[in-house]
């Protein structure tokens, strides 16, 4: 349906924007926290294709406080609404929904939230307790407010993608969840809004992360077990001063136990200075696809 990109900031304006859509219009949602980069743009391009010429694409821009811990970077998280709207317009987004905190959480912190279950306590959930409760709660609210038929999420935040898929399945939500492959800089670093926190030296050191994934993938292609992959990745990371590993794991594609062979996921989270970086790739354990 592309044309001029409209920006709304209230629930009332959002409802009014949708009221003029023809019945049956396919609605696509790209939820973001702003500070948009080429990875977000890729989500919007994919959303535009999925919506088709008669469909409608909404990008939400909302820095969600309930997914940040007490000592995390909520206050300094980059905010650049004007530039973000330009990115959305360039990718054919029809509507930008950019509410304030009160517009999403009308009564303050919600008393009723979405429990991510045991999966929400693993990996990122272990490092950031309560994080996924905040993520799933705000995604559920955005899905409801936009009545989206399709929601697009990046594979870089792989655990988030899996949990949103599981929430949609378990709660019978009438929406399709589409994962979009990670977009990388020319040197291989996964694009992230938090990359802006890195100094020049830290940015160079951050290349250790995609290189570590390459090491793990090579071990897997050579017939290594999941344990072999993790051992090789951790040894490689340990060779580089200035990197603290939060986790390096191999799981099945739905974040269960690592398979003895076949498709798996290698996930990393590291800290460089005060910045946490996440990355992951698909691998094949035991040399099997």
Protein backbone atom coordinates (compact mmCIF):
# COMPACT_ATOMS: atom_id res chain seq x y z
CA UNK A 1 0.00 0.00 0.00
CA UNK A 2 3.13 2.14 0.15
CA UNK A 3 3.00 5.93 -0.14
CA UNK A 4 3.76 8.67 2.36
CA UNK A 5 4.82 7.27 5.73
CA UNK A 6 2.54 8.43 8.50
CA UNK A 7 3.67 8.76 12.13
CA UNK A 8 1.27 8.27 15.05
CA UNK A 9 2.03 8.27 18.75
CA UNK A 10 -1.26 7.47 20.50
CA UNK A 11 -3.61 4.51 20.57
CA UNK A 12 -6.42 6.75 19.31
CA UNK A 13 -4.38 7.87 16.30
CA UNK A 14 -3.37 4.27 15.62
CA UNK A 15 -6.98 3.12 15.57
CA UNK A 16 -7.91 6.02 13.29
CA UNK A 17 -5.11 5.14 10.88
CA UNK A 18 -6.34 1.57 10.61
CA UNK A 19 -10.00 2.55 10.35
CA UNK A 20 -9.51 3.71 6.79
CA UNK A 21 -8.01 0.42 5.57
CA UNK A 22 -10.14 -1.75 3.28
CA UNK A 23 -11.56 -4.86 4.89
CA UNK A 24 -9.21 -7.80 4.63
CA UNK A 25 -6.06 -5.69 4.23
CA UNK A 26 -3.01 -7.74 5.21
CA UNK A 27 -1.27 -6.10 8.16
CA UNK A 28 2.43 -6.60 8.75
CA UNK A 29 4.24 -5.46 11.90
CA UNK A 30 7.97 -4.82 12.35
CA UNK A 31 8.53 -4.12 16.07
CA UNK A 32 11.71 -2.19 16.90
CA UNK A 33 13.27 -0.12 19.67
CA UNK A 34 14.52 2.45 17.18
CA UNK A 35 18.14 3.42 16.46
CA UNK A 36 17.44 1.75 13.14
CA UNK A 37 20.16 0.25 10.95
CA UNK A 38 20.37 -1.90 7.83
CA UNK A 39 19.21 -4.94 9.79
CA UNK A 40 15.94 -3.21 10.62
CA UNK A 41 15.69 -2.01 7.04
CA UNK A 42 15.94 -5.63 5.88
CA UNK A 43 13.01 -6.51 8.13
CA UNK A 44 10.96 -3.72 6.62
CA UNK A 45 11.84 -4.73 3.06
CA UNK A 46 10.79 -8.28 3.83
CA UNK A 47 7.60 -6.96 5.40
CA UNK A 48 6.84 -4.88 2.32
CA UNK A 49 7.19 -7.99 0.13
CA UNK A 50 5.00 -10.09 2.44
CA UNK A 51 2.34 -7.39 2.61
CA UNK A 52 2.17 -7.09 -1.15
CA UNK A 53 1.01 -3.98 -3.01
CA UNK A 54 -2.34 -3.93 -1.25
CA UNK A 55 -1.05 -4.70 2.22
CA UNK A 56 -0.10 -2.40 5.08
CA UNK A 57 3.24 -2.29 6.94
CA UNK A 58 3.57 -0.83 10.41
CA UNK A 59 6.89 -0.31 12.16
CA UNK A 60 6.73 0.30 15.88
CA UNK A 61 9.45 2.32 17.59
CA UNK A 62 9.35 1.91 21.35
CA UNK A 63 12.18 1.55 23.85
CA UNK A 64 10.47 -0.90 26.18
CA UNK A 65 11.46 -0.28 29.81
CA UNK A 66 10.11 -3.58 31.11
CA UNK A 67 12.77 -5.61 29.29
CA UNK A 68 15.66 -3.71 30.85
CA UNK A 69 17.17 -4.70 34.19
CA UNK A 70 17.98 -2.30 37.02
CA UNK A 71 21.61 -1.86 35.96
CA UNK A 72 21.15 -2.00 32.19
CA UNK A 73 21.32 0.69 29.52
CA UNK A 74 17.74 2.00 29.35
CA UNK A 75 18.73 5.63 29.97
CA UNK A 76 21.48 5.69 27.36
CA UNK A 77 19.83 3.48 24.75
CA UNK A 78 20.09 5.47 21.48
CA UNK A 79 16.97 7.33 20.42
CA UNK A 80 16.72 8.96 16.99
CA UNK A 81 13.07 9.17 15.94
CA UNK A 82 13.47 11.61 13.05
CA UNK A 83 16.24 9.55 11.43
CA UNK A 84 14.32 6.35 12.15
CA UNK A 85 11.23 7.64 10.36
CA UNK A 86 13.41 8.43 7.34
CA UNK A 87 14.61 4.80 7.31
CA UNK A 88 11.03 3.57 7.49
CA UNK A 89 9.94 5.86 4.67
CA UNK A 90 12.80 4.65 2.52
CA UNK A 91 11.65 1.06 2.92
CA UNK A 92 8.01 1.69 2.04
CA UNK A 93 6.59 1.47 5.58
CA UNK A 94 3.05 2.83 5.66
CA UNK A 95 2.80 3.71 9.34
CA UNK A 96 5.22 4.35 12.20
CA UNK A 97 3.77 3.81 15.67
CA UNK A 98 5.99 5.63 18.17
CA UNK A 99 4.20 5.72 21.53
CA UNK A 100 5.60 6.97 24.82
CA UNK A 101 5.75 4.72 27.88
CA UNK A 102 2.34 5.83 29.12
CA UNK A 103 0.88 5.02 25.72
CA UNK A 104 1.84 1.35 26.11
CA UNK A 105 1.63 0.92 29.89
CA UNK A 106 -1.41 3.02 30.77
CA UNK A 107 -1.42 2.05 34.44
CA UNK A 108 2.31 1.99 35.02
CA UNK A 109 4.14 -1.32 35.20
CA UNK A 110 1.64 -4.03 34.26
CA UNK A 111 0.34 -6.35 36.95
CA UNK A 112 -0.51 -9.05 34.38
CA UNK A 113 2.35 -10.11 32.13
CA UNK A 114 3.30 -12.92 29.75
CA UNK A 115 5.34 -15.60 31.49
CA UNK A 116 8.04 -16.99 29.16
CA UNK A 117 8.25 -20.24 31.13
CA UNK A 118 11.42 -22.26 31.61
CA UNK A 119 12.87 -21.20 28.26
CA UNK A 120 12.84 -17.62 29.48
CA UNK A 121 15.26 -18.48 32.29
CA UNK A 122 17.97 -19.87 29.97
CA UNK A 123 20.79 -18.10 28.13
CA UNK A 124 19.75 -14.42 27.93
CA UNK A 125 17.13 -15.10 30.58
CA UNK A 126 19.78 -16.35 33.00
CA UNK A 127 21.98 -13.30 32.41
CA UNK A 128 19.04 -10.86 32.35
CA UNK A 129 16.33 -12.13 34.74
CA UNK A 130 12.88 -10.91 33.75
CA UNK A 131 14.02 -9.74 30.32
CA UNK A 132 11.81 -12.05 28.29
CA UNK A 133 8.76 -11.39 30.45
CA UNK A 134 9.10 -7.77 29.35
CA UNK A 135 9.74 -8.70 25.72
CA UNK A 136 6.78 -11.06 25.37
CA UNK A 137 4.44 -8.69 27.20
CA UNK A 138 5.20 -5.76 24.92
CA UNK A 139 5.10 -7.90 21.76
CA UNK A 140 1.72 -9.27 22.77
CA UNK A 141 0.46 -5.73 23.37
CA UNK A 142 1.77 -4.53 20.00
CA UNK A 143 0.22 -7.49 18.20
CA UNK A 144 -3.11 -6.68 19.82
CA UNK A 145 -2.93 -2.93 19.16
CA UNK A 146 -2.00 -3.40 15.50
CA UNK A 147 -4.08 -6.53 14.79
CA UNK A 148 -1.09 -7.77 12.81
CA UNK A 149 -1.41 -10.77 10.53
CA UNK A 150 2.38 -11.15 10.26
CA UNK A 151 5.20 -10.03 12.56
CA UNK A 152 8.85 -9.99 11.48
CA UNK A 153 11.80 -10.43 13.83
CA UNK A 154 15.52 -10.75 13.21
CA UNK A 155 17.42 -13.96 13.77
CA UNK A 156 20.24 -12.13 15.58
CA UNK A 157 18.12 -12.16 18.73
CA UNK A 158 17.43 -15.83 18.19
CA UNK A 159 16.07 -16.70 21.63
CA UNK A 160 13.63 -13.82 21.37
CA UNK A 161 12.45 -15.11 17.98
CA UNK A 162 11.92 -18.63 19.32
CA UNK A 163 10.05 -17.38 22.39
CA UNK A 164 7.73 -15.17 20.34
CA UNK A 165 6.97 -18.12 18.07
CA UNK A 166 6.23 -20.24 21.13
CA UNK A 167 4.01 -17.55 22.67
CA UNK A 168 2.01 -17.29 19.44
CA UNK A 169 1.64 -21.08 19.31
CA UNK A 170 0.78 -21.60 22.96
CA UNK A 171 -1.69 -18.71 23.18
CA UNK A 172 -3.29 -19.41 19.78
CA UNK A 173 -2.61 -15.91 18.52
CA UNK A 174 -3.76 -15.37 14.91
CA UNK A 175 -0.43 -14.13 13.60
CA UNK A 176 2.44 -15.57 11.56
CA UNK A 177 5.93 -15.06 12.98
CA UNK A 178 8.65 -14.69 10.33
CA UNK A 179 12.36 -14.74 11.14
CA UNK A 180 14.68 -12.72 8.91
CA UNK A 181 18.38 -13.65 8.60
CA UNK A 182 20.96 -11.59 10.46
CA UNK A 183 22.40 -8.68 8.52
CA UNK A 184 26.14 -8.18 8.89
CA UNK A 185 28.63 -5.43 8.20
CA UNK A 186 31.14 -6.06 5.43
CA UNK A 187 33.62 -7.42 7.99
CA UNK A 188 31.09 -9.91 9.39
CA UNK A 189 29.96 -8.22 12.60
CA UNK A 190 26.22 -8.61 13.18
CA UNK A 191 24.48 -5.24 13.00
CA UNK A 192 23.12 -4.03 16.33
CA UNK A 193 22.05 -0.69 17.72
CA UNK A 194 24.41 -1.33 20.63
CA UNK A 195 27.43 -1.43 18.29
CA UNK A 196 27.37 2.36 18.61
CA UNK A 197 28.66 1.95 22.17
CA UNK A 198 31.91 0.35 20.99
CA UNK A 199 35.12 2.35 20.79
CA UNK A 200 37.30 1.89 17.70
CA UNK A 201 39.47 -0.67 19.51
CA UNK A 202 36.42 -2.47 20.89
CA UNK A 203 34.81 -2.51 17.45
CA UNK A 204 37.90 -4.28 16.09
CA UNK A 205 37.88 -6.74 19.00
CA UNK A 206 34.19 -7.44 18.36
CA UNK A 207 35.15 -9.20 15.11
CA UNK A 208 36.24 -12.06 17.36
CA UNK A 209 32.56 -12.95 17.72
CA UNK A 210 31.78 -13.81 14.07
CA UNK A 211 35.23 -15.39 13.79
CA UNK A 212 34.37 -17.63 16.77
CA UNK A 213 31.17 -18.67 15.02
CA UNK A 214 33.21 -19.57 11.94
CA UNK A 215 35.49 -21.70 14.14
CA UNK A 216 32.50 -23.56 15.57
CA UNK A 217 30.94 -24.07 12.16
CA UNK A 218 34.19 -25.52 10.86
CA UNK A 219 34.39 -28.00 13.72
CA UNK A 220 30.80 -29.07 13.05
CA UNK A 221 31.45 -29.52 9.32
CA UNK A 222 34.45 -31.69 10.17
CA UNK A 223 32.23 -34.10 12.07
CA UNK A 224 32.65 -32.65 15.57
CA UNK A 225 30.07 -33.10 18.31
CA UNK A 226 28.21 -30.26 19.98
CA UNK A 227 30.69 -30.48 22.85
CA UNK A 228 33.59 -30.24 20.40
CA UNK A 229 32.06 -27.14 18.85
CA UNK A 230 31.57 -25.38 22.18
CA UNK A 231 35.06 -26.31 23.35
CA UNK A 232 36.66 -24.94 20.20
CA UNK A 233 34.64 -21.72 20.33
CA UNK A 234 35.39 -21.10 24.00
CA UNK A 235 39.11 -21.79 23.49
CA UNK A 236 39.16 -19.30 20.62
CA UNK A 237 37.40 -16.63 22.66
CA UNK A 238 39.71 -17.22 25.62
CA UNK A 239 42.69 -16.35 23.42
CA UNK A 240 41.48 -12.76 23.13
CA UNK A 241 41.95 -10.39 26.04
CA UNK A 242 39.09 -8.00 26.63
CA UNK A 243 36.29 -10.47 25.88
CA UNK A 244 34.16 -11.94 28.65
CA UNK A 245 31.94 -14.84 27.55
CA UNK A 246 28.47 -14.96 29.07
CA UNK A 247 27.65 -18.15 27.19
CA UNK A 248 28.65 -20.23 24.18
CA UNK A 249 26.19 -23.06 23.56
CA UNK A 250 24.87 -25.41 20.92
CA UNK A 251 21.16 -26.23 21.01
CA UNK A 252 18.56 -27.71 18.70
CA UNK A 253 16.76 -25.09 16.56
CA UNK A 254 14.08 -24.63 19.24
CA UNK A 255 16.65 -24.15 22.03
CA UNK A 256 16.39 -27.66 23.41
CA UNK A 257 19.18 -30.15 24.03
CA UNK A 258 21.88 -30.26 21.33
CA UNK A 259 21.31 -32.96 18.74
CA UNK A 260 23.77 -35.78 18.19
CA UNK A 261 23.64 -34.93 14.50
CA UNK A 262 21.75 -32.66 12.15
CA UNK A 263 20.59 -29.06 12.33
CA UNK A 264 21.53 -27.09 15.42
CA UNK A 265 22.15 -23.52 16.54
CA UNK A 266 25.38 -22.09 17.92
CA UNK A 267 24.68 -19.07 20.13
CA UNK A 268 27.16 -16.65 21.69
CA UNK A 269 26.89 -13.74 24.10
CA UNK A 270 29.98 -11.79 25.10
CA UNK A 271 30.86 -8.56 26.85
CA UNK A 272 33.41 -6.13 25.47
CA UNK A 273 33.88 -3.26 27.87
CA UNK A 274 30.37 -2.28 28.92
CA UNK A 275 28.71 -3.61 25.75
CA UNK A 276 27.04 -7.00 25.35
CA UNK A 277 27.02 -8.54 21.90
CA UNK A 278 24.84 -11.45 20.75
CA UNK A 279 25.29 -13.57 17.67
CA UNK A 280 24.36 -17.02 16.38
CA UNK A 281 24.46 -19.20 13.30
CA UNK A 282 22.88 -22.38 12.03
CA UNK A 283 25.28 -25.35 12.08
CA UNK A 284 25.07 -29.04 11.22
CA UNK A 285 26.40 -31.34 13.92
CA UNK A 286 28.42 -34.33 12.83
CA UNK A 287 28.73 -33.09 9.28
CA UNK A 288 25.04 -33.89 8.65
CA UNK A 289 22.66 -31.31 7.19
